Amino acid sequence: MKTVAVVCSKGGVGKTLLSLHLAAAWSVANQAAAVLDLDPQASAANWGDRREDAGDVAPLPVQTAAASRVAAEIKRFRAAGCSHLVIDTGGTLDIGARNAARVADLVLVPCRPSVVDMEAVASTLDLVRLAAPDVPALVVLNVVSQVEKGADEVEDAIRELGGDVCPVRIGRRVALARAIDEGLTICDAPTDERAAEEIDALHKYVCRRYKL
């Protein structure tokens, strides 16, 4: 089973949105994907409840768990035949974030193109290096507006910190958030072609680069 942990020390960077969309990309490709929700707000789990009423969509189970239960949940998902697990974490670098990083094949770090978010990335990369030094971390610039400037500067700053930045950027796409509100993802209902292309490109990149 391949596992991706989505971690950042700051809230509001789109961890749940990327977690659900990445897992859904595997699910619609007929992979047995699932999401483990460690965030106390349980946004991913609430989405899973809405998905039960969303009609004919690819299965994507979401399980909540306490941080101390990560290892046990990993075993359970593996025994159930899950091929890809995405772990959605909260907005703090707590034991959940550390435990998720330790069991992951890849840590995905969402970052909005701002100095404040870049500073959060720095602390997140430090945590990954300490908790899971052998696990690669990939920063994904998220909610990138076409009219805002600064994404290139933030990317350069992250690289100066020694961070690896994904070449695929996820734009500020209303369709992504709207799909989540309806218990869907853009993979289920590609109402915005550009948004669907960006998620598909991110999925293909992490699969190819990290053999996921």
N, C-alpha and C. Protein backbone atom coordinates (compact mmCIF):
# COMPACT_ATOMS: atom_id res chain seq x y z
N MET A 1 0.84 -1.19 0.00
CA MET A 1 0.00 0.00 0.00
C MET A 1 0.87 1.24 0.00
N LYS A 2 0.56 2.18 -0.87
CA LYS A 2 1.26 3.45 -0.95
C LYS A 2 0.52 4.49 -0.11
N THR A 3 1.29 5.28 0.64
CA THR A 3 0.67 6.23 1.56
C THR A 3 1.23 7.63 1.36
N VAL A 4 0.35 8.61 1.26
CA VAL A 4 0.72 10.02 1.14
C VAL A 4 0.15 10.76 2.34
N ALA A 5 1.00 11.47 3.06
CA ALA A 5 0.55 12.30 4.17
C ALA A 5 0.54 13.75 3.72
N VAL A 6 -0.57 14.43 3.91
CA VAL A 6 -0.72 15.84 3.54
C VAL A 6 -0.60 16.66 4.82
N VAL A 7 0.49 17.41 4.93
CA VAL A 7 0.87 18.05 6.20
C VAL A 7 1.27 19.50 5.96
N CYS A 8 0.82 20.37 6.86
CA CYS A 8 1.31 21.75 6.89
C CYS A 8 0.98 22.33 8.26
N SER A 9 1.86 23.16 8.78
CA SER A 9 1.65 23.72 10.12
C SER A 9 0.63 24.84 10.14
N LYS A 10 0.08 25.19 8.98
CA LYS A 10 -0.87 26.31 8.91
C LYS A 10 -2.20 25.80 8.36
N GLY A 11 -3.29 26.30 8.93
CA GLY A 11 -4.60 25.98 8.41
C GLY A 11 -4.93 26.83 7.18
N GLY A 12 -5.93 26.42 6.45
CA GLY A 12 -6.41 27.20 5.32
C GLY A 12 -5.57 27.12 4.07
N VAL A 13 -4.68 26.13 3.99
CA VAL A 13 -3.82 26.01 2.80
C VAL A 13 -4.37 25.00 1.80
N GLY A 14 -5.47 24.33 2.14
CA GLY A 14 -6.08 23.39 1.21
C GLY A 14 -5.66 21.95 1.40
N LYS A 15 -5.33 21.56 2.63
CA LYS A 15 -4.91 20.18 2.87
C LYS A 15 -6.02 19.19 2.53
N THR A 16 -7.22 19.45 3.05
CA THR A 16 -8.32 18.51 2.82
C THR A 16 -8.69 18.46 1.34
N LEU A 17 -8.72 19.60 0.70
CA LEU A 17 -9.07 19.64 -0.72
C LEU A 17 -8.09 18.81 -1.55
N LEU A 18 -6.80 18.97 -1.29
CA LEU A 18 -5.82 18.18 -2.04
C LEU A 18 -5.86 16.71 -1.65
N SER A 19 -6.07 16.43 -0.36
CA SER A 19 -6.15 15.04 0.08
C SER A 19 -7.27 14.30 -0.65
N LEU A 20 -8.44 14.90 -0.67
CA LEU A 20 -9.59 14.24 -1.29
C LEU A 20 -9.43 14.12 -2.80
N HIS A 21 -8.89 15.14 -3.42
CA HIS A 21 -8.74 15.08 -4.87
C HIS A 21 -7.65 14.09 -5.29
N LEU A 22 -6.58 14.01 -4.53
CA LEU A 22 -5.53 13.06 -4.88
C LEU A 22 -6.03 11.63 -4.69
N ALA A 23 -6.71 11.37 -3.58
CA ALA A 23 -7.27 10.05 -3.37
C ALA A 23 -8.30 9.71 -4.44
N ALA A 24 -9.12 10.69 -4.81
CA ALA A 24 -10.15 10.45 -5.83
C ALA A 24 -9.53 10.13 -7.18
N ALA A 25 -8.38 10.72 -7.48
CA ALA A 25 -7.72 10.44 -8.76
C ALA A 25 -7.34 8.97 -8.86
N TRP A 26 -6.92 8.38 -7.73
CA TRP A 26 -6.66 6.94 -7.73
C TRP A 26 -7.96 6.14 -7.79
N SER A 27 -8.96 6.61 -7.08
CA SER A 27 -10.22 5.88 -7.03
C SER A 27 -10.89 5.78 -8.40
N VAL A 28 -10.94 6.89 -9.14
CA VAL A 28 -11.59 6.86 -10.45
C VAL A 28 -10.76 6.08 -11.47
N ALA A 29 -9.49 5.82 -11.13
CA ALA A 29 -8.63 4.97 -11.98
C ALA A 29 -8.72 3.51 -11.54
N ASN A 30 -9.77 3.19 -10.78
CA ASN A 30 -10.04 1.82 -10.33
C ASN A 30 -8.99 1.28 -9.37
N GLN A 31 -8.38 2.19 -8.60
CA GLN A 31 -7.49 1.79 -7.52
C GLN A 31 -8.29 1.83 -6.21
N ALA A 32 -7.95 0.94 -5.29
CA ALA A 32 -8.65 0.88 -4.01
C ALA A 32 -8.07 1.94 -3.08
N ALA A 33 -8.55 3.17 -3.21
CA ALA A 33 -8.02 4.30 -2.45
C ALA A 33 -8.92 4.60 -1.25
N ALA A 34 -8.31 5.26 -0.24
CA ALA A 34 -9.06 5.66 0.94
C ALA A 34 -8.38 6.88 1.56
N VAL A 35 -9.08 7.52 2.49
CA VAL A 35 -8.56 8.69 3.19
C VAL A 35 -8.65 8.44 4.68
N LEU A 36 -7.56 8.74 5.39
CA LEU A 36 -7.54 8.69 6.84
C LEU A 36 -7.54 10.12 7.36
N ASP A 37 -8.56 10.50 8.10
CA ASP A 37 -8.75 11.88 8.56
C ASP A 37 -8.28 12.01 10.01
N LEU A 38 -7.15 12.71 10.20
CA LEU A 38 -6.62 12.95 11.55
C LEU A 38 -6.95 14.34 12.06
N ASP A 39 -7.59 15.16 11.22
CA ASP A 39 -7.91 16.53 11.61
C ASP A 39 -9.09 16.54 12.59
N PRO A 40 -8.93 17.16 13.76
CA PRO A 40 -10.05 17.21 14.71
C PRO A 40 -11.31 17.83 14.13
N GLN A 41 -11.18 18.68 13.13
CA GLN A 41 -12.36 19.28 12.51
C GLN A 41 -13.13 18.28 11.64
N ALA A 42 -12.46 17.18 11.25
CA ALA A 42 -13.10 16.09 10.51
C ALA A 42 -13.74 16.54 9.20
N SER A 43 -13.11 17.48 8.51
CA SER A 43 -13.68 17.98 7.25
C SER A 43 -13.74 16.90 6.18
N ALA A 44 -12.72 16.06 6.12
CA ALA A 44 -12.72 14.97 5.14
C ALA A 44 -13.82 13.96 5.46
N ALA A 45 -13.97 13.64 6.73
CA ALA A 45 -15.02 12.70 7.12
C ALA A 45 -16.40 13.26 6.84
N ASN A 46 -16.60 14.54 7.07
CA ASN A 46 -17.89 15.17 6.75
C ASN A 46 -18.16 15.10 5.25
N TRP A 47 -17.10 15.30 4.45
CA TRP A 47 -17.24 15.14 3.00
C TRP A 47 -17.66 13.72 2.68
N GLY A 48 -17.07 12.73 3.37
CA GLY A 48 -17.44 11.34 3.13
C GLY A 48 -18.91 11.09 3.40
N ASP A 49 -19.46 11.74 4.42
CA ASP A 49 -20.89 11.61 4.69
C ASP A 49 -21.72 12.17 3.54
N ARG A 50 -21.30 13.32 3.02
CA ARG A 50 -22.04 13.91 1.89
C ARG A 50 -21.93 13.03 0.65
N ARG A 51 -20.81 12.36 0.50
CA ARG A 51 -20.60 11.53 -0.69
C ARG A 51 -21.58 10.36 -0.74
N GLU A 52 -22.00 9.89 0.42
CA GLU A 52 -22.95 8.80 0.45
C GLU A 52 -24.26 9.16 -0.26
N ASP A 53 -24.56 10.45 -0.35
CA ASP A 53 -25.78 10.92 -1.02
C ASP A 53 -25.50 11.48 -2.40
N ALA A 54 -24.27 11.31 -2.90
CA ALA A 54 -23.88 11.96 -4.15
C ALA A 54 -24.24 11.17 -5.40
N GLY A 55 -24.77 9.96 -5.23
CA GLY A 55 -25.16 9.19 -6.41
C GLY A 55 -24.08 8.20 -6.83
N ASP A 56 -24.03 7.95 -8.14
CA ASP A 56 -23.13 6.94 -8.70
C ASP A 56 -21.73 7.51 -8.87
N VAL A 57 -20.91 7.36 -7.86
CA VAL A 57 -19.54 7.85 -7.89
C VAL A 57 -18.60 6.75 -7.45
N ALA A 58 -17.33 6.91 -7.77
CA ALA A 58 -16.32 5.92 -7.40
C ALA A 58 -16.22 5.84 -5.88
N PRO A 59 -16.06 4.64 -5.33
CA PRO A 59 -15.97 4.52 -3.87
C PRO A 59 -14.70 5.16 -3.33
N LEU A 60 -14.85 5.90 -2.24
CA LEU A 60 -13.70 6.52 -1.59
C LEU A 60 -13.99 6.62 -0.09
N PRO A 61 -13.72 5.56 0.65
CA PRO A 61 -14.00 5.58 2.09
C PRO A 61 -13.10 6.55 2.84
N VAL A 62 -13.67 7.18 3.86
CA VAL A 62 -12.94 8.10 4.73
C VAL A 62 -13.10 7.62 6.17
N GLN A 63 -11.98 7.45 6.85
CA GLN A 63 -12.00 6.97 8.23
C GLN A 63 -11.34 8.00 9.14
N THR A 64 -12.00 8.35 10.23
CA THR A 64 -11.38 9.22 11.23
C THR A 64 -10.58 8.36 12.21
N ALA A 65 -9.58 8.98 12.82
CA ALA A 65 -8.78 8.26 13.82
C ALA A 65 -8.04 9.25 14.68
N ALA A 66 -7.74 8.85 15.89
CA ALA A 66 -6.87 9.63 16.76
C ALA A 66 -5.43 9.45 16.31
N ALA A 67 -4.61 10.42 16.63
CA ALA A 67 -3.21 10.38 16.19
C ALA A 67 -2.50 9.12 16.65
N SER A 68 -2.83 8.66 17.82
CA SER A 68 -2.16 7.47 18.36
C SER A 68 -2.56 6.20 17.65
N ARG A 69 -3.60 6.27 16.79
CA ARG A 69 -4.11 5.09 16.10
C ARG A 69 -3.61 4.96 14.67
N VAL A 70 -2.69 5.80 14.26
CA VAL A 70 -2.25 5.80 12.86
C VAL A 70 -1.69 4.44 12.45
N ALA A 71 -0.77 3.89 13.23
CA ALA A 71 -0.16 2.62 12.87
C ALA A 71 -1.20 1.51 12.77
N ALA A 72 -2.14 1.48 13.71
CA ALA A 72 -3.18 0.46 13.68
C ALA A 72 -4.08 0.61 12.47
N GLU A 73 -4.43 1.85 12.11
CA GLU A 73 -5.28 2.08 10.95
C GLU A 73 -4.56 1.70 9.66
N ILE A 74 -3.26 1.95 9.60
CA ILE A 74 -2.48 1.56 8.42
C ILE A 74 -2.58 0.05 8.22
N LYS A 75 -2.43 -0.71 9.28
CA LYS A 75 -2.54 -2.17 9.18
C LYS A 75 -3.93 -2.59 8.72
N ARG A 76 -4.94 -1.91 9.23
CA ARG A 76 -6.31 -2.27 8.87
C ARG A 76 -6.60 -2.00 7.40
N PHE A 77 -6.15 -0.84 6.91
CA PHE A 77 -6.36 -0.52 5.50
C PHE A 77 -5.59 -1.50 4.60
N ARG A 78 -4.38 -1.83 5.00
CA ARG A 78 -3.59 -2.76 4.20
C ARG A 78 -4.25 -4.14 4.15
N ALA A 79 -4.74 -4.59 5.29
CA ALA A 79 -5.41 -5.89 5.34
C ALA A 79 -6.69 -5.91 4.51
N ALA A 80 -7.33 -4.74 4.38
CA ALA A 80 -8.57 -4.65 3.61
C ALA A 80 -8.31 -4.54 2.11
N GLY A 81 -7.03 -4.50 1.71
CA GLY A 81 -6.71 -4.46 0.28
C GLY A 81 -6.60 -3.07 -0.30
N CYS A 82 -6.48 -2.07 0.55
CA CYS A 82 -6.32 -0.70 0.07
C CYS A 82 -4.97 -0.56 -0.64
N SER A 83 -4.97 0.05 -1.81
CA SER A 83 -3.72 0.21 -2.56
C SER A 83 -3.09 1.59 -2.36
N HIS A 84 -3.93 2.62 -2.07
CA HIS A 84 -3.44 3.98 -1.89
C HIS A 84 -4.21 4.65 -0.75
N LEU A 85 -3.46 5.14 0.22
CA LEU A 85 -4.06 5.82 1.36
C LEU A 85 -3.52 7.23 1.44
N VAL A 86 -4.41 8.20 1.58
CA VAL A 86 -4.03 9.60 1.77
C VAL A 86 -4.43 10.00 3.18
N ILE A 87 -3.47 10.54 3.95
CA ILE A 87 -3.71 10.95 5.33
C ILE A 87 -3.85 12.46 5.38
N ASP A 88 -5.02 12.93 5.79
CA ASP A 88 -5.30 14.35 5.93
C ASP A 88 -5.05 14.74 7.39
N THR A 89 -4.17 15.69 7.62
CA THR A 89 -3.82 16.08 8.98
C THR A 89 -4.38 17.46 9.32
N GLY A 90 -4.28 17.83 10.59
CA GLY A 90 -4.77 19.13 11.04
C GLY A 90 -3.80 20.26 10.75
N GLY A 91 -4.12 21.44 11.27
CA GLY A 91 -3.33 22.63 10.98
C GLY A 91 -2.24 22.92 11.99
N THR A 92 -1.80 21.91 12.71
CA THR A 92 -0.69 22.08 13.64
C THR A 92 0.28 20.93 13.48
N LEU A 93 1.52 21.17 13.88
CA LEU A 93 2.53 20.11 13.80
C LEU A 93 2.49 19.31 15.09
N ASP A 94 1.43 18.53 15.25
CA ASP A 94 1.23 17.76 16.46
C ASP A 94 1.67 16.32 16.25
N ILE A 95 1.32 15.46 17.17
CA ILE A 95 1.71 14.06 17.06
C ILE A 95 1.08 13.40 15.83
N GLY A 96 -0.09 13.88 15.44
CA GLY A 96 -0.72 13.34 14.24
C GLY A 96 0.11 13.59 12.99
N ALA A 97 0.62 14.82 12.86
CA ALA A 97 1.45 15.16 11.71
C ALA A 97 2.73 14.33 11.72
N ARG A 98 3.33 14.18 12.89
CA ARG A 98 4.57 13.39 12.99
C ARG A 98 4.32 11.92 12.66
N ASN A 99 3.26 11.35 13.22
CA ASN A 99 2.97 9.95 12.95
C ASN A 99 2.62 9.71 11.49
N ALA A 100 1.91 10.65 10.89
CA ALA A 100 1.57 10.53 9.47
C ALA A 100 2.82 10.56 8.61
N ALA A 101 3.73 11.47 8.92
CA ALA A 101 4.97 11.56 8.14
C ALA A 101 5.78 10.27 8.25
N ARG A 102 5.79 9.67 9.42
CA ARG A 102 6.61 8.49 9.65
C ARG A 102 6.14 7.28 8.85
N VAL A 103 4.85 7.19 8.58
CA VAL A 103 4.32 6.02 7.86
C VAL A 103 4.16 6.28 6.37
N ALA A 104 4.48 7.48 5.92
CA ALA A 104 4.21 7.87 4.53
C ALA A 104 5.34 7.47 3.58
N ASP A 105 4.95 7.28 2.33
CA ASP A 105 5.92 7.16 1.24
C ASP A 105 6.26 8.53 0.67
N LEU A 106 5.36 9.50 0.91
CA LEU A 106 5.55 10.87 0.46
C LEU A 106 4.77 11.80 1.37
N VAL A 107 5.39 12.91 1.75
CA VAL A 107 4.69 13.98 2.47
C VAL A 107 4.42 15.11 1.49
N LEU A 108 3.16 15.44 1.33
CA LEU A 108 2.75 16.54 0.45
C LEU A 108 2.46 17.76 1.31
N VAL A 109 3.08 18.89 0.96
CA VAL A 109 2.95 20.10 1.77
C VAL A 109 2.29 21.20 0.94
N PRO A 110 0.98 21.45 1.12
CA PRO A 110 0.33 22.53 0.38
C PRO A 110 0.81 23.89 0.87
N CYS A 111 0.93 24.83 -0.05
CA CYS A 111 1.39 26.18 0.30
C CYS A 111 0.72 27.19 -0.60
N ARG A 112 0.01 28.13 -0.01
CA ARG A 112 -0.51 29.25 -0.79
C ARG A 112 0.65 30.20 -1.07
N PRO A 113 0.58 30.96 -2.16
CA PRO A 113 1.71 31.82 -2.55
C PRO A 113 1.79 33.10 -1.73
N SER A 114 2.16 32.95 -0.44
CA SER A 114 2.32 34.11 0.42
C SER A 114 3.50 33.86 1.36
N VAL A 115 4.03 34.94 1.91
CA VAL A 115 5.17 34.83 2.81
C VAL A 115 4.79 34.06 4.07
N VAL A 116 3.59 34.32 4.60
CA VAL A 116 3.13 33.65 5.81
C VAL A 116 3.08 32.13 5.59
N ASP A 117 2.54 31.72 4.45
CA ASP A 117 2.46 30.30 4.15
C ASP A 117 3.84 29.71 3.92
N MET A 118 4.72 30.47 3.28
CA MET A 118 6.08 29.99 3.06
C MET A 118 6.79 29.73 4.38
N GLU A 119 6.55 30.60 5.37
CA GLU A 119 7.14 30.40 6.69
C GLU A 119 6.60 29.14 7.36
N ALA A 120 5.32 28.84 7.12
CA ALA A 120 4.75 27.60 7.64
C ALA A 120 5.38 26.38 6.98
N VAL A 121 5.69 26.51 5.71
CA VAL A 121 6.36 25.42 5.00
C VAL A 121 7.71 25.12 5.64
N ALA A 122 8.43 26.17 6.02
CA ALA A 122 9.75 25.98 6.62
C ALA A 122 9.66 25.12 7.87
N SER A 123 8.69 25.40 8.77
CA SER A 123 8.55 24.60 9.99
C SER A 123 8.07 23.19 9.66
N THR A 124 7.25 23.06 8.63
CA THR A 124 6.77 21.73 8.24
C THR A 124 7.90 20.87 7.71
N LEU A 125 8.74 21.44 6.87
CA LEU A 125 9.88 20.69 6.34
C LEU A 125 10.82 20.29 7.46
N ASP A 126 10.99 21.15 8.45
CA ASP A 126 11.83 20.80 9.61
C ASP A 126 11.26 19.59 10.33
N LEU A 127 9.93 19.57 10.51
CA LEU A 127 9.31 18.44 11.19
C LEU A 127 9.54 17.15 10.42
N VAL A 128 9.35 17.20 9.10
CA VAL A 128 9.53 15.98 8.30
C VAL A 128 10.97 15.50 8.38
N ARG A 129 11.92 16.42 8.32
CA ARG A 129 13.32 16.03 8.39
C ARG A 129 13.68 15.39 9.72
N LEU A 130 13.04 15.84 10.80
CA LEU A 130 13.31 15.29 12.12
C LEU A 130 12.55 13.98 12.36
N ALA A 131 11.26 13.96 11.99
CA ALA A 131 10.42 12.81 12.29
C ALA A 131 10.60 11.67 11.31
N ALA A 132 10.84 12.01 10.05
CA ALA A 132 10.92 10.99 9.00
C ALA A 132 11.98 11.39 7.97
N PRO A 133 13.25 11.33 8.36
CA PRO A 133 14.32 11.83 7.48
C PRO A 133 14.44 11.11 6.15
N ASP A 134 13.92 9.89 6.05
CA ASP A 134 14.02 9.14 4.80
C ASP A 134 12.80 9.31 3.90
N VAL A 135 11.82 10.08 4.35
CA VAL A 135 10.59 10.27 3.57
C VAL A 135 10.68 11.57 2.77
N PRO A 136 10.48 11.51 1.45
CA PRO A 136 10.55 12.75 0.67
C PRO A 136 9.37 13.66 0.94
N ALA A 137 9.61 14.97 0.86
CA ALA A 137 8.56 15.97 1.03
C ALA A 137 8.46 16.81 -0.23
N LEU A 138 7.25 17.05 -0.68
CA LEU A 138 7.01 17.81 -1.90
C LEU A 138 6.05 18.94 -1.60
N VAL A 139 6.48 20.18 -1.85
CA VAL A 139 5.63 21.35 -1.65
C VAL A 139 4.81 21.60 -2.91
N VAL A 140 3.52 21.80 -2.74
CA VAL A 140 2.62 22.09 -3.86
C VAL A 140 2.03 23.47 -3.66
N LEU A 141 2.30 24.37 -4.60
CA LEU A 141 1.69 25.70 -4.55
C LEU A 141 0.21 25.56 -4.89
N ASN A 142 -0.64 26.01 -3.97
CA ASN A 142 -2.07 25.78 -4.06
C ASN A 142 -2.82 27.11 -4.00
N VAL A 143 -4.00 27.14 -4.60
CA VAL A 143 -4.85 28.33 -4.64
C VAL A 143 -4.05 29.49 -5.25
N VAL A 144 -3.46 29.25 -6.38
CA VAL A 144 -2.63 30.24 -7.06
C VAL A 144 -3.50 31.02 -8.05
N SER A 145 -3.62 32.32 -7.83
CA SER A 145 -4.42 33.17 -8.70
C SER A 145 -3.59 33.64 -9.89
N GLN A 146 -4.25 33.75 -11.02
CA GLN A 146 -3.58 34.23 -12.23
C GLN A 146 -3.23 35.71 -12.15
N VAL A 147 -3.95 36.44 -11.31
CA VAL A 147 -3.73 37.89 -11.25
C VAL A 147 -2.78 38.29 -10.13
N GLU A 148 -2.57 37.39 -9.16
CA GLU A 148 -1.67 37.70 -8.05
C GLU A 148 -0.22 37.43 -8.46
N LYS A 149 0.66 38.22 -7.92
CA LYS A 149 2.08 37.99 -8.13
C LYS A 149 2.70 37.42 -6.86
N GLY A 150 3.81 36.79 -6.99
CA GLY A 150 4.50 36.31 -5.81
C GLY A 150 4.73 34.82 -5.78
N ALA A 151 4.04 34.05 -6.63
CA ALA A 151 4.21 32.59 -6.60
C ALA A 151 5.64 32.20 -6.94
N ASP A 152 6.23 32.86 -7.92
CA ASP A 152 7.61 32.53 -8.30
C ASP A 152 8.57 32.85 -7.16
N GLU A 153 8.33 33.98 -6.48
CA GLU A 153 9.21 34.36 -5.38
C GLU A 153 9.09 33.38 -4.21
N VAL A 154 7.86 32.92 -3.92
CA VAL A 154 7.66 31.95 -2.85
C VAL A 154 8.33 30.62 -3.22
N GLU A 155 8.19 30.22 -4.47
CA GLU A 155 8.85 28.98 -4.91
C GLU A 155 10.36 29.08 -4.74
N ASP A 156 10.94 30.20 -5.15
CA ASP A 156 12.38 30.38 -5.01
C ASP A 156 12.80 30.32 -3.54
N ALA A 157 12.00 30.93 -2.66
CA ALA A 157 12.32 30.93 -1.23
C ALA A 157 12.27 29.52 -0.65
N ILE A 158 11.30 28.74 -1.10
CA ILE A 158 11.19 27.36 -0.61
C ILE A 158 12.39 26.54 -1.08
N ARG A 159 12.81 26.76 -2.30
CA ARG A 159 13.98 26.03 -2.80
C ARG A 159 15.24 26.44 -2.03
N GLU A 160 15.32 27.69 -1.62
CA GLU A 160 16.47 28.12 -0.81
C GLU A 160 16.48 27.44 0.55
N LEU A 161 15.30 27.03 1.02
CA LEU A 161 15.20 26.28 2.28
C LEU A 161 15.54 24.81 2.09
N GLY A 162 15.79 24.43 0.85
CA GLY A 162 16.07 23.03 0.55
C GLY A 162 14.84 22.23 0.24
N GLY A 163 13.71 22.90 0.04
CA GLY A 163 12.47 22.21 -0.27
C GLY A 163 12.34 21.87 -1.73
N ASP A 164 11.67 20.77 -2.00
CA ASP A 164 11.38 20.34 -3.37
C ASP A 164 9.99 20.85 -3.73
N VAL A 165 9.87 21.59 -4.82
CA VAL A 165 8.60 22.20 -5.20
C VAL A 165 8.04 21.51 -6.44
N CYS A 166 6.78 21.13 -6.37
CA CYS A 166 6.12 20.47 -7.49
C CYS A 166 5.99 21.43 -8.66
N PRO A 167 6.29 20.99 -9.89
CA PRO A 167 6.12 21.87 -11.04
C PRO A 167 4.66 22.14 -11.40
N VAL A 168 3.76 21.35 -10.85
CA VAL A 168 2.33 21.54 -11.10
C VAL A 168 1.77 22.44 -10.01
N ARG A 169 1.15 23.54 -10.42
CA ARG A 169 0.49 24.44 -9.48
C ARG A 169 -1.02 24.28 -9.60
N ILE A 170 -1.69 24.35 -8.45
CA ILE A 170 -3.14 24.25 -8.44
C ILE A 170 -3.72 25.66 -8.31
N GLY A 171 -4.52 26.04 -9.27
CA GLY A 171 -5.03 27.39 -9.29
C GLY A 171 -6.18 27.63 -8.32
N ARG A 172 -6.57 28.88 -8.22
CA ARG A 172 -7.73 29.25 -7.41
C ARG A 172 -8.98 28.90 -8.22
N ARG A 173 -9.48 27.69 -8.02
CA ARG A 173 -10.56 27.17 -8.84
C ARG A 173 -11.82 26.98 -8.00
N VAL A 174 -12.85 27.74 -8.30
CA VAL A 174 -14.11 27.64 -7.57
C VAL A 174 -14.68 26.23 -7.70
N ALA A 175 -14.48 25.61 -8.85
CA ALA A 175 -15.07 24.29 -9.11
C ALA A 175 -14.54 23.23 -8.15
N LEU A 176 -13.30 23.37 -7.70
CA LEU A 176 -12.74 22.39 -6.76
C LEU A 176 -13.49 22.44 -5.44
N ALA A 177 -13.64 23.63 -4.88
CA ALA A 177 -14.34 23.78 -3.61
C ALA A 177 -15.82 23.43 -3.74
N ARG A 178 -16.43 23.77 -4.87
CA ARG A 178 -17.85 23.49 -5.06
C ARG A 178 -18.09 21.98 -5.10
N ALA A 179 -17.19 21.26 -5.76
CA ALA A 179 -17.32 19.81 -5.82
C ALA A 179 -17.23 19.20 -4.42
N ILE A 180 -16.28 19.69 -3.62
CA ILE A 180 -16.15 19.19 -2.25
C ILE A 180 -17.42 19.45 -1.45
N ASP A 181 -18.03 20.60 -1.64
CA ASP A 181 -19.27 20.93 -0.93
C ASP A 181 -20.38 19.93 -1.23
N GLU A 182 -20.32 19.33 -2.43
CA GLU A 182 -21.38 18.43 -2.87
C GLU A 182 -21.04 16.96 -2.65
N GLY A 183 -19.93 16.70 -1.93
CA GLY A 183 -19.53 15.32 -1.72
C GLY A 183 -18.86 14.70 -2.93
N LEU A 184 -18.37 15.53 -3.81
CA LEU A 184 -17.73 15.08 -5.04
C LEU A 184 -16.30 15.60 -5.09
N THR A 185 -15.61 15.30 -6.17
CA THR A 185 -14.35 15.94 -6.52
C THR A 185 -14.42 16.28 -8.00
N ILE A 186 -13.46 17.04 -8.44
CA ILE A 186 -13.43 17.40 -9.86
C ILE A 186 -13.18 16.16 -10.71
N CYS A 187 -12.64 15.10 -10.11
CA CYS A 187 -12.42 13.84 -10.83
C CYS A 187 -13.75 13.15 -11.13
N ASP A 188 -14.74 13.34 -10.28
CA ASP A 188 -16.07 12.75 -10.50
C ASP A 188 -16.88 13.57 -11.49
N ALA A 189 -16.78 14.89 -11.37
CA ALA A 189 -17.59 15.78 -12.20
C ALA A 189 -16.70 16.91 -12.71
N PRO A 190 -16.03 16.71 -13.85
CA PRO A 190 -15.09 17.72 -14.36
C PRO A 190 -15.79 18.95 -14.93
N THR A 191 -16.39 19.75 -14.04
CA THR A 191 -17.14 20.93 -14.47
C THR A 191 -16.22 22.07 -14.90
N ASP A 192 -14.95 21.99 -14.53
CA ASP A 192 -13.96 22.99 -14.93
C ASP A 192 -12.79 22.23 -15.54
N GLU A 193 -12.63 22.36 -16.86
CA GLU A 193 -11.62 21.56 -17.56
C GLU A 193 -10.21 21.86 -17.05
N ARG A 194 -9.92 23.12 -16.80
CA ARG A 194 -8.58 23.49 -16.34
C ARG A 194 -8.31 22.92 -14.94
N ALA A 195 -9.30 22.98 -14.06
CA ALA A 195 -9.13 22.43 -12.71
C ALA A 195 -8.89 20.93 -12.78
N ALA A 196 -9.66 20.24 -13.62
CA ALA A 196 -9.48 18.80 -13.76
C ALA A 196 -8.10 18.47 -14.31
N GLU A 197 -7.62 19.26 -15.24
CA GLU A 197 -6.30 19.03 -15.82
C GLU A 197 -5.20 19.21 -14.78
N GLU A 198 -5.35 20.20 -13.90
CA GLU A 198 -4.33 20.45 -12.88
C GLU A 198 -4.27 19.30 -11.87
N ILE A 199 -5.43 18.82 -11.43
CA ILE A 199 -5.44 17.69 -10.49
C ILE A 199 -4.87 16.44 -11.16
N ASP A 200 -5.23 16.22 -12.40
CA ASP A 200 -4.70 15.07 -13.13
C ASP A 200 -3.18 15.17 -13.29
N ALA A 201 -2.69 16.36 -13.57
CA ALA A 201 -1.25 16.56 -13.72
C ALA A 201 -0.52 16.33 -12.41
N LEU A 202 -1.09 16.81 -11.30
CA LEU A 202 -0.49 16.58 -9.98
C LEU A 202 -0.44 15.09 -9.68
N HIS A 203 -1.54 14.40 -9.91
CA HIS A 203 -1.61 12.96 -9.66
C HIS A 203 -0.57 12.21 -10.48
N LYS A 204 -0.48 12.52 -11.75
CA LYS A 204 0.48 11.82 -12.61
C LYS A 204 1.91 12.13 -12.20
N TYR A 205 2.15 13.36 -11.75
CA TYR A 205 3.52 13.72 -11.36
C TYR A 205 3.96 12.93 -10.13
N VAL A 206 3.11 12.88 -9.09
CA VAL A 206 3.53 12.17 -7.88
C VAL A 206 3.64 10.67 -8.14
N CYS A 207 2.79 10.14 -9.00
CA CYS A 207 2.88 8.72 -9.34
C CYS A 207 4.19 8.42 -10.05
N ARG A 208 4.52 9.26 -11.00
CA ARG A 208 5.75 9.02 -11.80
C ARG A 208 7.01 9.30 -10.98
N ARG A 209 7.03 10.44 -10.30
CA ARG A 209 8.25 10.84 -9.59
C ARG A 209 8.54 9.94 -8.39
N TYR A 210 7.49 9.54 -7.66
CA TYR A 210 7.69 8.79 -6.42
C TYR A 210 7.22 7.34 -6.52
N LYS A 211 6.93 6.91 -7.75
CA LYS A 211 6.52 5.53 -8.01
C LYS A 211 5.32 5.11 -7.14
N LEU A 212 4.35 5.97 -7.14
CA LEU A 212 3.12 5.71 -6.40
C LEU A 212 2.02 5.16 -7.30
